[in-house]
């Protein structure tokens, strides 16, 4: 057996979060990802994103997005740098970038500019607003997308200020979508012998993920807004409830679970009571039901209720980040992995969520800046004088 993407070579002109998150999926699954970094500015800006560092140029942030990759310094603005890129493209399956929308064309990273060197090359572009249209040259980041796509109006308690997700969720969604786009492009090129450009952008992914909420507005004019207790807009009980020592999230998103919950909390009569008998009735009496469930659930701790409900009713304790990572189930499932590290000996990181039964995914640390430059150049031309000249000219 082998990893699904073994033998796939990707040249990644990437930085910061969304792009590196996407290509890390590909590297975890066996692809050779060569990360191109500018030698004159310290490489990927993610290396300097704090506040936590393992060593200079090696932040916790950087390690979270660049596992299993190679790093090559290369100045793509110099003719000699472009010439090296063209040689790399000859043996690659894809060129990936997550640059401002107007930059791939300027740097020669599009299919039209690279097909001469490899007609099968796939050029995958991740940008803020796309490579065409009036916003092509706009910079953009995750929180801006959440704001304009309506997410802040859906998050938090009614009456409170707009609130974003606690994580850069659009970056991660777009990175994952870009990995799908790239692999799809490579599959098509292997079948047809002809590559292409494929595009993904933060704004369109943010809008796409409005999903059914978007469909409700587009077809019925319904504007979904925030609901108390992080509740589902149309199903209940599907929200936060108070317990003796904190909170529990319960989701009876199928009718059958309501009867199971009613029995588990010793209120079997609620399953058929007119106010709570079905989704429509419970939604109409949501406030009453919330008060009633709060009263019952406050009689025991979250852990005690989880013992009663786990595996029977969809429920989860409400944890902070530390509790989430220290969870026994997380340890049992191998969700946290140890990665060897040249300074710390080993560091802990979160495993790839894609599993390949029978195979162990690689766990190499994010590379140092330019760590693989000379080895990759020697594959092109085993010529120390040539490599020395590139270094002297600050091309690498």
Foldseek 3Di string as FASTA:
>chain_A
DAFPAAPAEEEEAEADFLQLQLVVLVLLRHYAYEYEFALPPLGHCQLVDDDAALDRSGGPSLQQRFWNYHYAYFDLVDPVRVVLVLLVQLSHQEYEYEDQLQVCVVSQQFQVSRCVSAQRYAYEYEYAPHNDDPCSRPHDAQVVLCVVLVVQQADDAPPDGRDHPPDSVLSNQQSNVSSVQSVVQSVVCVVVVGGHYDYTYSNVSSNVVCPVQVVCCVPPVDHDGYYPQSADRQFPPAGWADAQVGIKGFHPPDLVLVCVVCVLLVNNVLCCPQCRVDSVSCVVVVVVVRVVVNVSRHVHDPVVVCVSPPPRTDMDDDDDPVCVCPPPVCVVVVQKDWEQDPRPRIDIHGDNPDDDPPDDGDGYTRDRHNPCHVVSVVVSPVDPVVVVVCVVVSRD
